[in-house]
Amino acid sequence: MLALLLFPSAEVGLARGKYNCLTRELWSEEKAAWCCEVRGLGCPPASATKLAAVNCDAISDQEKCDASGCSWCKAGAVPDSCKTIEEAKQLPSAVFQCDNIESPATVASS
């Protein structure tokens, strides 16, 4: 309450629009989609929505593979293919060159 009195425009600004995204009741799908898109609030985790629907093995293009959160793996003896990150990490690095297998923290510290 004190924050609302000191900074009323910040909270009121977030509440304006088609929906009030600061409420705690169960939201309709339409409200959840609007609040996520417009306010960046109530969005489902990316891993739950994106990775659950991806079948990496079915992707035959490197760009689509990488954009789907998978790993594109190359080897001289077998055709290039798209693998899950977990599968790519288990392939022998002396034979396969796979992208997207390093975590962002590992890449940043390199």
PDB file of N, CA and C in Angstrom:
ATOM      1  N   MET A   1       0.820  -1.186   0.000  1.00  0.00           N
ATOM      2  CA  MET A   1       0.000   0.000   0.000  1.00  0.00           C
ATOM      3  C   MET A   1       0.866   1.254   0.000  1.00  0.00           C
ATOM      4  N   LEU A   2       1.948   1.237   0.794  1.00  0.00           N
ATOM      5  CA  LEU A   2       2.848   2.376   0.854  1.00  0.00           C
ATOM      6  C   LEU A   2       3.485   2.628  -0.508  1.00  0.00           C
ATOM      7  N   ALA A   3       3.883   1.543  -1.212  1.00  0.00           N
ATOM      8  CA  ALA A   3       4.483   1.693  -2.534  1.00  0.00           C
ATOM      9  C   ALA A   3       3.508   2.318  -3.519  1.00  0.00           C
ATOM     10  N   LEU A   4       2.238   1.968  -3.405  1.00  0.00           N
ATOM     11  CA  LEU A   4       1.217   2.532  -4.287  1.00  0.00           C
ATOM     12  C   LEU A   4       1.061   4.023  -4.037  1.00  0.00           C
ATOM     13  N   LEU A   5       1.161   4.435  -2.777  1.00  0.00           N
ATOM     14  CA  LEU A   5       1.047   5.854  -2.461  1.00  0.00           C
ATOM     15  C   LEU A   5       2.272   6.621  -2.945  1.00  0.00           C
ATOM     16  N   LEU A   6       3.458   5.999  -2.848  1.00  0.00           N
ATOM     17  CA  LEU A   6       4.674   6.678  -3.265  1.00  0.00           C
ATOM     18  C   LEU A   6       4.883   6.670  -4.774  1.00  0.00           C
ATOM     19  N   PHE A   7       4.487   5.580  -5.419  1.00  0.00           N
ATOM     20  CA  PHE A   7       4.693   5.430  -6.865  1.00  0.00           C
ATOM     21  C   PHE A   7       3.402   4.979  -7.554  1.00  0.00           C
ATOM     22  N   PRO A   8       2.346   5.762  -7.480  1.00  0.00           N
ATOM     23  CA  PRO A   8       1.069   5.311  -8.036  1.00  0.00           C
ATOM     24  C   PRO A   8       1.096   5.098  -9.542  1.00  0.00           C
ATOM     25  N   SER A   9       1.852   5.881 -10.287  1.00  0.00           N
ATOM     26  CA  SER A   9       1.816   5.771 -11.743  1.00  0.00           C
ATOM     27  C   SER A   9       2.404   4.458 -12.238  1.00  0.00           C
ATOM     28  N   ALA A  10       3.394   3.901 -11.548  1.00  0.00           N
ATOM     29  CA  ALA A  10       4.012   2.648 -11.987  1.00  0.00           C
ATOM     30  C   ALA A  10       3.009   1.502 -11.938  1.00  0.00           C
ATOM     31  N   GLU A  11       2.298   1.356 -10.843  1.00  0.00           N
ATOM     32  CA  GLU A  11       1.358   0.251 -10.719  1.00  0.00           C
ATOM     33  C   GLU A  11       0.118   0.483 -11.578  1.00  0.00           C
ATOM     34  N   VAL A  12      -0.366   1.693 -11.626  1.00  0.00           N
ATOM     35  CA  VAL A  12      -1.543   1.995 -12.432  1.00  0.00           C
ATOM     36  C   VAL A  12      -1.221   1.783 -13.905  1.00  0.00           C
ATOM     37  N   GLY A  13      -0.013   2.156 -14.343  1.00  0.00           N
ATOM     38  CA  GLY A  13       0.388   1.979 -15.738  1.00  0.00           C
ATOM     39  C   GLY A  13       0.373   0.524 -16.152  1.00  0.00           C
ATOM     40  N   LEU A  14       0.809  -0.370 -15.271  1.00  0.00           N
ATOM     41  CA  LEU A  14       0.808  -1.797 -15.587  1.00  0.00           C
ATOM     42  C   LEU A  14      -0.605  -2.364 -15.633  1.00  0.00           C
ATOM     43  N   ALA A  15      -1.506  -1.764 -14.899  1.00  0.00           N
ATOM     44  CA  ALA A  15      -2.877  -2.272 -14.834  1.00  0.00           C
ATOM     45  C   ALA A  15      -3.730  -1.782 -16.005  1.00  0.00           C
ATOM     46  N   ARG A  16      -3.314  -0.726 -16.681  1.00  0.00           N
ATOM     47  CA  ARG A  16      -4.098  -0.189 -17.792  1.00  0.00           C
ATOM     48  C   ARG A  16      -4.047  -1.107 -18.997  1.00  0.00           C
ATOM     49  N   GLY A  17      -5.062  -1.038 -19.804  1.00  0.00           N
ATOM     50  CA  GLY A  17      -5.098  -1.823 -21.034  1.00  0.00           C
ATOM     51  C   GLY A  17      -6.323  -2.720 -21.046  1.00  0.00           C
ATOM     52  N   LYS A  18      -6.300  -3.687 -21.939  1.00  0.00           N
ATOM     53  CA  LYS A  18      -7.433  -4.588 -22.108  1.00  0.00           C
ATOM     54  C   LYS A  18      -7.679  -5.408 -20.846  1.00  0.00           C
ATOM     55  N   TYR A  19      -6.592  -5.836 -20.173  1.00  0.00           N
ATOM     56  CA  TYR A  19      -6.694  -6.641 -18.952  1.00  0.00           C
ATOM     57  C   TYR A  19      -5.798  -6.065 -17.871  1.00  0.00           C
ATOM     58  N   ASN A  20      -6.167  -6.324 -16.625  1.00  0.00           N
ATOM     59  CA  ASN A  20      -5.315  -5.996 -15.492  1.00  0.00           C
ATOM     60  C   ASN A  20      -4.466  -7.228 -15.225  1.00  0.00           C
ATOM     61  N   CYS A  21      -3.200  -7.157 -15.544  1.00  0.00           N
ATOM     62  CA  CYS A  21      -2.298  -8.305 -15.425  1.00  0.00           C
ATOM     63  C   CYS A  21      -1.675  -8.427 -14.041  1.00  0.00           C
ATOM     64  N   LEU A  22      -2.135  -7.609 -13.108  1.00  0.00           N
ATOM     65  CA  LEU A  22      -1.601  -7.654 -11.750  1.00  0.00           C
ATOM     66  C   LEU A  22      -2.524  -8.419 -10.797  1.00  0.00           C
ATOM     67  N   THR A  23      -3.584  -8.978 -11.309  1.00  0.00           N
ATOM     68  CA  THR A  23      -4.525  -9.709 -10.455  1.00  0.00           C
ATOM     69  C   THR A  23      -4.059 -11.150 -10.254  1.00  0.00           C
ATOM     70  N   ARG A  24      -4.622 -11.817  -9.243  1.00  0.00           N
ATOM     71  CA  ARG A  24      -4.168 -13.165  -8.901  1.00  0.00           C
ATOM     72  C   ARG A  24      -5.216 -14.248  -9.152  1.00  0.00           C
ATOM     73  N   GLU A  25      -6.343 -13.918  -9.716  1.00  0.00           N
ATOM     74  CA  GLU A  25      -7.356 -14.944  -9.991  1.00  0.00           C
ATOM     75  C   GLU A  25      -6.909 -15.833 -11.153  1.00  0.00           C
ATOM     76  N   LEU A  26      -7.604 -16.918 -11.389  1.00  0.00           N
ATOM     77  CA  LEU A  26      -7.313 -17.804 -12.522  1.00  0.00           C
ATOM     78  C   LEU A  26      -7.645 -17.046 -13.807  1.00  0.00           C
ATOM     79  N   TRP A  27      -6.657 -16.898 -14.683  1.00  0.00           N
ATOM     80  CA  TRP A  27      -6.834 -16.130 -15.911  1.00  0.00           C
ATOM     81  C   TRP A  27      -7.405 -17.002 -17.024  1.00  0.00           C
ATOM     82  N   SER A  28      -8.196 -16.378 -17.896  1.00  0.00           N
ATOM     83  CA  SER A  28      -8.657 -17.058 -19.105  1.00  0.00           C
ATOM     84  C   SER A  28      -7.462 -17.202 -20.040  1.00  0.00           C
ATOM     85  N   GLU A  29      -7.563 -18.095 -21.013  1.00  0.00           N
ATOM     86  CA  GLU A  29      -6.470 -18.261 -21.989  1.00  0.00           C
ATOM     87  C   GLU A  29      -6.217 -16.965 -22.746  1.00  0.00           C
ATOM     88  N   GLU A  30      -7.295 -16.252 -23.069  1.00  0.00           N
ATOM     89  CA  GLU A  30      -7.172 -14.989 -23.800  1.00  0.00           C
ATOM     90  C   GLU A  30      -6.423 -13.946 -22.966  1.00  0.00           C
ATOM     91  N   LYS A  31      -6.759 -13.844 -21.673  1.00  0.00           N
ATOM     92  CA  LYS A  31      -6.079 -12.883 -20.803  1.00  0.00           C
ATOM     93  C   LYS A  31      -4.610 -13.273 -20.628  1.00  0.00           C
ATOM     94  N   ALA A  32      -4.344 -14.547 -20.434  1.00  0.00           N
ATOM     95  CA  ALA A  32      -2.964 -15.002 -20.257  1.00  0.00           C
ATOM     96  C   ALA A  32      -2.134 -14.679 -21.497  1.00  0.00           C
ATOM     97  N   ALA A  33      -2.688 -14.932 -22.678  1.00  0.00           N
ATOM     98  CA  ALA A  33      -1.967 -14.647 -23.926  1.00  0.00           C
ATOM     99  C   ALA A  33      -1.711 -13.148 -24.070  1.00  0.00           C
ATOM    100  N   TRP A  34      -2.728 -12.327 -23.757  1.00  0.00           N
ATOM    101  CA  TRP A  34      -2.587 -10.876 -23.871  1.00  0.00           C
ATOM    102  C   TRP A  34      -1.545 -10.354 -22.888  1.00  0.00           C
ATOM    103  N   CYS A  35      -1.640 -10.771 -21.635  1.00  0.00           N
ATOM    104  CA  CYS A  35      -0.697 -10.295 -20.617  1.00  0.00           C
ATOM    105  C   CYS A  35       0.730 -10.710 -20.945  1.00  0.00           C
ATOM    106  N   CYS A  36       0.899 -11.908 -21.482  1.00  0.00           N
ATOM    107  CA  CYS A  36       2.234 -12.374 -21.854  1.00  0.00           C
ATOM    108  C   CYS A  36       2.777 -11.546 -23.015  1.00  0.00           C
ATOM    109  N   GLU A  37       1.970 -11.382 -24.050  1.00  0.00           N
ATOM    110  CA  GLU A  37       2.418 -10.680 -25.254  1.00  0.00           C
ATOM    111  C   GLU A  37       2.643  -9.192 -25.011  1.00  0.00           C
ATOM    112  N   VAL A  38       1.708  -8.546 -24.326  1.00  0.00           N
ATOM    113  CA  VAL A  38       1.749  -7.090 -24.173  1.00  0.00           C
ATOM    114  C   VAL A  38       2.569  -6.653 -22.969  1.00  0.00           C
ATOM    115  N   ARG A  39       2.426  -7.369 -21.852  1.00  0.00           N
ATOM    116  CA  ARG A  39       3.088  -6.952 -20.610  1.00  0.00           C
ATOM    117  C   ARG A  39       4.276  -7.828 -20.212  1.00  0.00           C
ATOM    118  N   GLY A  40       4.422  -8.992 -20.857  1.00  0.00           N
ATOM    119  CA  GLY A  40       5.503  -9.895 -20.472  1.00  0.00           C
ATOM    120  C   GLY A  40       5.259 -10.555 -19.129  1.00  0.00           C
ATOM    121  N   LEU A  41       3.997 -10.654 -18.730  1.00  0.00           N
ATOM    122  CA  LEU A  41       3.621 -11.234 -17.437  1.00  0.00           C
ATOM    123  C   LEU A  41       2.814 -12.506 -17.638  1.00  0.00           C
ATOM    124  N   GLY A  42       3.034 -13.486 -16.781  1.00  0.00           N
ATOM    125  CA  GLY A  42       2.261 -14.725 -16.824  1.00  0.00           C
ATOM    126  C   GLY A  42       2.626 -15.643 -17.979  1.00  0.00           C
ATOM    127  N   CYS A  43       3.766 -15.444 -18.580  1.00  0.00           N
ATOM    128  CA  CYS A  43       4.186 -16.274 -19.714  1.00  0.00           C
ATOM    129  C   CYS A  43       4.625 -17.648 -19.223  1.00  0.00           C
ATOM    130  N   PRO A  44       4.290 -18.705 -19.967  1.00  0.00           N
ATOM    131  CA  PRO A  44       4.773 -20.032 -19.586  1.00  0.00           C
ATOM    132  C   PRO A  44       6.275 -20.114 -19.802  1.00  0.00           C
ATOM    133  N   PRO A  45       6.965 -20.949 -19.040  1.00  0.00           N
ATOM    134  CA  PRO A  45       8.409 -21.092 -19.245  1.00  0.00           C
ATOM    135  C   PRO A  45       8.705 -21.563 -20.661  1.00  0.00           C
ATOM    136  N   ALA A  46       9.753 -21.039 -21.261  1.00  0.00           N
ATOM    137  CA  ALA A  46      10.110 -21.393 -22.633  1.00  0.00           C
ATOM    138  C   ALA A  46      10.376 -22.885 -22.769  1.00  0.00           C
ATOM    139  N   SER A  47      11.029 -23.460 -21.797  1.00  0.00           N
ATOM    140  CA  SER A  47      11.359 -24.886 -21.891  1.00  0.00           C
ATOM    141  C   SER A  47      10.107 -25.750 -21.903  1.00  0.00           C
ATOM    142  N   ALA A  48       9.078 -25.350 -21.194  1.00  0.00           N
ATOM    143  CA  ALA A  48       7.856 -26.151 -21.132  1.00  0.00           C
ATOM    144  C   ALA A  48       7.074 -26.077 -22.437  1.00  0.00           C
ATOM    145  N   THR A  49       7.095 -24.948 -23.100  1.00  0.00           N
ATOM    146  CA  THR A  49       6.310 -24.812 -24.319  1.00  0.00           C
ATOM    147  C   THR A  49       7.082 -25.201 -25.562  1.00  0.00           C
ATOM    148  N   LYS A  50       8.337 -24.814 -25.633  1.00  0.00           N
ATOM    149  CA  LYS A  50       9.105 -25.018 -26.853  1.00  0.00           C
ATOM    150  C   LYS A  50       9.667 -26.432 -26.975  1.00  0.00           C
ATOM    151  N   LEU A  51      10.319 -26.907 -25.929  1.00  0.00           N
ATOM    152  CA  LEU A  51      11.008 -28.180 -26.031  1.00  0.00           C
ATOM    153  C   LEU A  51      10.076 -29.375 -26.009  1.00  0.00           C
ATOM    154  N   ALA A  52       8.922 -29.237 -25.386  1.00  0.00           N
ATOM    155  CA  ALA A  52       8.000 -30.361 -25.299  1.00  0.00           C
ATOM    156  C   ALA A  52       7.474 -30.764 -26.679  1.00  0.00           C
ATOM    157  N   ALA A  53       7.360 -29.808 -27.591  1.00  0.00           N
ATOM    158  CA  ALA A  53       6.768 -30.079 -28.894  1.00  0.00           C
ATOM    159  C   ALA A  53       7.811 -30.395 -29.973  1.00  0.00           C
ATOM    160  N   VAL A  54       9.087 -30.343 -29.665  1.00  0.00           N
ATOM    161  CA  VAL A  54      10.132 -30.503 -30.673  1.00  0.00           C
ATOM    162  C   VAL A  54      10.597 -31.959 -30.763  1.00  0.00           C
ATOM    163  N   ASN A  55      10.597 -32.484 -31.994  1.00  0.00           N
ATOM    164  CA  ASN A  55      11.168 -33.799 -32.266  1.00  0.00           C
ATOM    165  C   ASN A  55      12.424 -33.534 -33.096  1.00  0.00           C
ATOM    166  N   CYS A  56      13.553 -33.446 -32.419  1.00  0.00           N
ATOM    167  CA  CYS A  56      14.806 -33.067 -33.082  1.00  0.00           C
ATOM    168  C   CYS A  56      15.159 -34.016 -34.224  1.00  0.00           C
ATOM    169  N   ASP A  57      14.937 -35.307 -34.037  1.00  0.00           N
ATOM    170  CA  ASP A  57      15.291 -36.292 -35.067  1.00  0.00           C
ATOM    171  C   ASP A  57      14.553 -36.073 -36.391  1.00  0.00           C
ATOM    172  N   ALA A  58      13.398 -35.431 -36.334  1.00  0.00           N
ATOM    173  CA  ALA A  58      12.601 -35.218 -37.544  1.00  0.00           C
ATOM    174  C   ALA A  58      13.052 -33.996 -38.344  1.00  0.00           C
ATOM    175  N   ILE A  59      13.953 -33.199 -37.798  1.00  0.00           N
ATOM    176  CA  ILE A  59      14.412 -31.973 -38.466  1.00  0.00           C
ATOM    177  C   ILE A  59      15.627 -32.294 -39.339  1.00  0.00           C
ATOM    178  N   SER A  60      15.565 -31.889 -40.606  1.00  0.00           N
ATOM    179  CA  SER A  60      16.650 -32.224 -41.537  1.00  0.00           C
ATOM    180  C   SER A  60      17.437 -31.003 -42.023  1.00  0.00           C
ATOM    181  N   ASP A  61      17.226 -29.841 -41.402  1.00  0.00           N
ATOM    182  CA  ASP A  61      17.885 -28.613 -41.809  1.00  0.00           C
ATOM    183  C   ASP A  61      18.598 -28.007 -40.602  1.00  0.00           C
ATOM    184  N   GLN A  62      19.872 -27.625 -40.752  1.00  0.00           N
ATOM    185  CA  GLN A  62      20.654 -27.118 -39.631  1.00  0.00           C
ATOM    186  C   GLN A  62      20.048 -25.864 -39.014  1.00  0.00           C
ATOM    187  N   GLU A  63      19.610 -24.935 -39.825  1.00  0.00           N
ATOM    188  CA  GLU A  63      19.057 -23.686 -39.306  1.00  0.00           C
ATOM    189  C   GLU A  63      17.808 -23.954 -38.463  1.00  0.00           C
ATOM    190  N   LYS A  64      16.911 -24.818 -38.959  1.00  0.00           N
ATOM    191  CA  LYS A  64      15.698 -25.152 -38.204  1.00  0.00           C
ATOM    192  C   LYS A  64      16.042 -25.928 -36.941  1.00  0.00           C
ATOM    193  N   CYS A  65      17.036 -26.797 -37.036  1.00  0.00           N
ATOM    194  CA  CYS A  65      17.487 -27.582 -35.887  1.00  0.00           C
ATOM    195  C   CYS A  65      17.945 -26.650 -34.772  1.00  0.00           C
ATOM    196  N   ASP A  66      18.848 -25.733 -35.096  1.00  0.00           N
ATOM    197  CA  ASP A  66      19.378 -24.817 -34.098  1.00  0.00           C
ATOM    198  C   ASP A  66      18.302 -23.897 -33.543  1.00  0.00           C
ATOM    199  N   ALA A  67      17.387 -23.428 -34.399  1.00  0.00           N
ATOM    200  CA  ALA A  67      16.317 -22.541 -33.953  1.00  0.00           C
ATOM    201  C   ALA A  67      15.323 -23.259 -33.048  1.00  0.00           C
ATOM    202  N   SER A  68      15.274 -24.584 -33.121  1.00  0.00           N
ATOM    203  CA  SER A  68      14.342 -25.367 -32.310  1.00  0.00           C
ATOM    204  C   SER A  68      14.926 -25.755 -30.957  1.00  0.00           C
ATOM    205  N   GLY A  69      16.142 -25.318 -30.675  1.00  0.00           N
ATOM    206  CA  GLY A  69      16.761 -25.665 -29.402  1.00  0.00           C
ATOM    207  C   GLY A  69      17.417 -27.031 -29.410  1.00  0.00           C
ATOM    208  N   CYS A  70      17.685 -27.542 -30.600  1.00  0.00           N
ATOM    209  CA  CYS A  70      18.345 -28.836 -30.750  1.00  0.00           C
ATOM    210  C   CYS A  70      19.809 -28.607 -31.117  1.00  0.00           C
ATOM    211  N   SER A  71      20.523 -29.679 -31.408  1.00  0.00           N
ATOM    212  CA  SER A  71      21.935 -29.600 -31.762  1.00  0.00           C
ATOM    213  C   SER A  71      22.171 -30.268 -33.111  1.00  0.00           C
ATOM    214  N   TRP A  72      22.814 -29.551 -34.029  1.00  0.00           N
ATOM    215  CA  TRP A  72      23.142 -30.090 -35.350  1.00  0.00           C
ATOM    216  C   TRP A  72      24.503 -30.767 -35.250  1.00  0.00           C
ATOM    217  N   CYS A  73      24.542 -32.054 -35.589  1.00  0.00           N
ATOM    218  CA  CYS A  73      25.773 -32.840 -35.441  1.00  0.00           C
ATOM    219  C   CYS A  73      26.295 -33.294 -36.797  1.00  0.00           C
ATOM    220  N   LYS A  74      27.609 -33.128 -36.979  1.00  0.00           N
ATOM    221  CA  LYS A  74      28.278 -33.515 -38.220  1.00  0.00           C
ATOM    222  C   LYS A  74      29.333 -34.572 -37.910  1.00  0.00           C
ATOM    223  N   ALA A  75      29.479 -35.516 -38.831  1.00  0.00           N
ATOM    224  CA  ALA A  75      30.535 -36.526 -38.743  1.00  0.00           C
ATOM    225  C   ALA A  75      30.858 -36.963 -40.161  1.00  0.00           C
ATOM    226  N   GLY A  76      32.096 -37.301 -40.419  1.00  0.00           N
ATOM    227  CA  GLY A  76      32.496 -37.685 -41.760  1.00  0.00           C
ATOM    228  C   GLY A  76      31.900 -38.996 -42.229  1.00  0.00           C
ATOM    229  N   ALA A  77      31.638 -39.923 -41.336  1.00  0.00           N
ATOM    230  CA  ALA A  77      31.209 -41.267 -41.719  1.00  0.00           C
ATOM    231  C   ALA A  77      29.698 -41.446 -41.820  1.00  0.00           C
ATOM    232  N   VAL A  78      28.931 -40.528 -41.255  1.00  0.00           N
ATOM    233  CA  VAL A  78      27.462 -40.643 -41.282  1.00  0.00           C
ATOM    234  C   VAL A  78      26.867 -39.300 -41.690  1.00  0.00           C
ATOM    235  N   PRO A  79      25.633 -39.306 -42.201  1.00  0.00           N
ATOM    236  CA  PRO A  79      25.012 -38.032 -42.595  1.00  0.00           C
ATOM    237  C   PRO A  79      24.824 -37.098 -41.399  1.00  0.00           C
ATOM    238  N   ASP A  80      24.874 -35.788 -41.659  1.00  0.00           N
ATOM    239  CA  ASP A  80      24.593 -34.796 -40.618  1.00  0.00           C
ATOM    240  C   ASP A  80      23.174 -35.017 -40.115  1.00  0.00           C
ATOM    241  N   SER A  81      22.954 -34.727 -38.829  1.00  0.00           N
ATOM    242  CA  SER A  81      21.613 -34.924 -38.275  1.00  0.00           C
ATOM    243  C   SER A  81      21.369 -34.019 -37.088  1.00  0.00           C
ATOM    244  N   CYS A  82      20.099 -33.873 -36.762  1.00  0.00           N
ATOM    245  CA  CYS A  82      19.653 -33.052 -35.649  1.00  0.00           C
ATOM    246  C   CYS A  82      19.399 -33.959 -34.445  1.00  0.00           C
ATOM    247  N   LYS A  83      19.954 -33.588 -33.306  1.00  0.00           N
ATOM    248  CA  LYS A  83      19.825 -34.378 -32.078  1.00  0.00           C
ATOM    249  C   LYS A  83      19.373 -33.474 -30.936  1.00  0.00           C
ATOM    250  N   THR A  84      18.827 -34.078 -29.892  1.00  0.00           N
ATOM    251  CA  THR A  84      18.548 -33.294 -28.692  1.00  0.00           C
ATOM    252  C   THR A  84      19.888 -32.901 -28.084  1.00  0.00           C
ATOM    253  N   ILE A  85      19.897 -31.894 -27.257  1.00  0.00           N
ATOM    254  CA  ILE A  85      21.127 -31.455 -26.607  1.00  0.00           C
ATOM    255  C   ILE A  85      21.710 -32.608 -25.779  1.00  0.00           C
ATOM    256  N   GLU A  86      20.843 -33.341 -25.092  1.00  0.00           N
ATOM    257  CA  GLU A  86      21.302 -34.462 -24.263  1.00  0.00           C
ATOM    258  C   GLU A  86      21.971 -35.546 -25.113  1.00  0.00           C
ATOM    259  N   GLU A  87      21.357 -35.868 -26.262  1.00  0.00           N
ATOM    260  CA  GLU A  87      21.952 -36.868 -27.164  1.00  0.00           C
ATOM    261  C   GLU A  87      23.296 -36.386 -27.699  1.00  0.00           C
ATOM    262  N   ALA A  88      23.354 -35.117 -28.093  1.00  0.00           N
ATOM    263  CA  ALA A  88      24.579 -34.561 -28.667  1.00  0.00           C
ATOM    264  C   ALA A  88      25.732 -34.595 -27.663  1.00  0.00           C
ATOM    265  N   LYS A  89      25.440 -34.328 -26.406  1.00  0.00           N
ATOM    266  CA  LYS A  89      26.486 -34.340 -25.381  1.00  0.00           C
ATOM    267  C   LYS A  89      27.067 -35.734 -25.173  1.00  0.00           C
ATOM    268  N   GLN A  90      26.291 -36.767 -25.495  1.00  0.00           N
ATOM    269  CA  GLN A  90      26.745 -38.142 -25.283  1.00  0.00           C
ATOM    270  C   GLN A  90      27.515 -38.709 -26.479  1.00  0.00           C
ATOM    271  N   LEU A  91      27.473 -38.035 -27.617  1.00  0.00           N
ATOM    272  CA  LEU A  91      28.200 -38.518 -28.790  1.00  0.00           C
ATOM    273  C   LEU A  91      29.698 -38.265 -28.608  1.00  0.00           C
ATOM    274  N   PRO A  92      30.555 -39.155 -29.115  1.00  0.00           N
ATOM    275  CA  PRO A  92      32.004 -38.959 -28.955  1.00  0.00           C
ATOM    276  C   PRO A  92      32.484 -37.730 -29.730  1.00  0.00           C
ATOM    277  N   SER A  93      33.106 -36.791 -29.015  1.00  0.00           N
ATOM    278  CA  SER A  93      33.541 -35.530 -29.643  1.00  0.00           C
ATOM    279  C   SER A  93      34.681 -35.724 -30.636  1.00  0.00           C
ATOM    280  N   ALA A  94      35.358 -36.866 -30.571  1.00  0.00           N
ATOM    281  CA  ALA A  94      36.416 -37.137 -31.542  1.00  0.00           C
ATOM    282  C   ALA A  94      35.826 -37.466 -32.916  1.00  0.00           C
ATOM    283  N   VAL A  95      34.554 -37.849 -32.944  1.00  0.00           N
ATOM    284  CA  VAL A  95      33.901 -38.242 -34.192  1.00  0.00           C
ATOM    285  C   VAL A  95      32.863 -37.202 -34.634  1.00  0.00           C
ATOM    286  N   PHE A  96      32.098 -36.676 -33.691  1.00  0.00           N
ATOM    287  CA  PHE A  96      30.999 -35.763 -33.998  1.00  0.00           C
ATOM    288  C   PHE A  96      31.324 -34.339 -33.579  1.00  0.00           C
ATOM    289  N   GLN A  97      30.955 -33.383 -34.423  1.00  0.00           N
ATOM    290  CA  GLN A  97      31.028 -31.971 -34.091  1.00  0.00           C
ATOM    291  C   GLN A  97      29.594 -31.476 -34.001  1.00  0.00           C
ATOM    292  N   CYS A  98      29.133 -31.211 -32.780  1.00  0.00           N
ATOM    293  CA  CYS A  98      27.752 -30.780 -32.540  1.00  0.00           C
ATOM    294  C   CYS A  98      27.737 -29.353 -32.010  1.00  0.00           C
ATOM    295  N   ASP A  99      26.774 -28.563 -32.490  1.00  0.00           N
ATOM    296  CA  ASP A  99      26.650 -27.195 -31.987  1.00  0.00           C
ATOM    297  C   ASP A  99      25.601 -27.130 -30.875  1.00  0.00           C
ATOM    298  N   ASN A 100      25.525 -26.018 -30.202  1.00  0.00           N
ATOM    299  CA  ASN A 100      24.538 -25.753 -29.145  1.00  0.00           C
ATOM    300  C   ASN A 100      24.646 -26.667 -27.925  1.00  0.00           C
ATOM    301  N   ILE A 101      25.801 -27.262 -27.681  1.00  0.00           N
ATOM    302  CA  ILE A 101      25.870 -28.169 -26.533  1.00  0.00           C
ATOM    303  C   ILE A 101      26.496 -27.528 -25.303  1.00  0.00           C
ATOM    304  N   GLU A 102      27.087 -26.364 -25.453  1.00  0.00           N
ATOM    305  CA  GLU A 102      27.651 -25.667 -24.294  1.00  0.00           C
ATOM    306  C   GLU A 102      26.588 -24.792 -23.665  1.00  0.00           C
ATOM    307  N   SER A 103      26.550 -24.780 -22.340  1.00  0.00           N
ATOM    308  CA  SER A 103      25.599 -23.917 -21.643  1.00  0.00           C
ATOM    309  C   SER A 103      26.032 -22.468 -21.802  1.00  0.00           C
ATOM    310  N   PRO A 104      25.103 -21.495 -21.705  1.00  0.00           N
ATOM    311  CA  PRO A 104      25.461 -20.079 -21.844  1.00  0.00           C
ATOM    312  C   PRO A 104      26.532 -19.661 -20.825  1.00  0.00           C
ATOM    313  N   ALA A 105      26.508 -20.225 -19.619  1.00  0.00           N
ATOM    314  CA  ALA A 105      27.497 -19.855 -18.601  1.00  0.00           C
ATOM    315  C   ALA A 105      28.894 -20.317 -19.036  1.00  0.00           C
ATOM    316  N   THR A 106      28.971 -21.491 -19.652  1.00  0.00           N
ATOM    317  CA  THR A 106      30.257 -22.020 -20.112  1.00  0.00           C
ATOM    318  C   THR A 106      30.797 -21.171 -21.255  1.00  0.00           C
ATOM    319  N   VAL A 107      29.928 -20.801 -22.183  1.00  0.00           N
ATOM    320  CA  VAL A 107      30.337 -20.002 -23.325  1.00  0.00           C
ATOM    321  C   VAL A 107      30.797 -18.624 -22.856  1.00  0.00           C
ATOM    322  N   ALA A 108      30.080 -18.010 -21.922  1.00  0.00           N
ATOM    323  CA  ALA A 108      30.417 -16.675 -21.428  1.00  0.00           C
ATOM    324  C   ALA A 108      31.754 -16.656 -20.710  1.00  0.00           C
ATOM    325  N   SER A 109      32.100 -17.732 -20.021  1.00  0.00           N
ATOM    326  CA  SER A 109      33.353 -17.743 -19.272  1.00  0.00           C
ATOM    327  C   SER A 109      34.555 -18.119 -20.143  1.00  0.00           C
ATOM    328  N   SER A 110      34.336 -18.548 -21.377  1.00  0.00           N
ATOM    329  CA  SER A 110      35.438 -18.945 -22.265  1.00  0.00           C
ATOM    330  C   SER A 110      36.197 -17.749 -22.776  1.00  0.00           C
TER     331      SER A 110
END
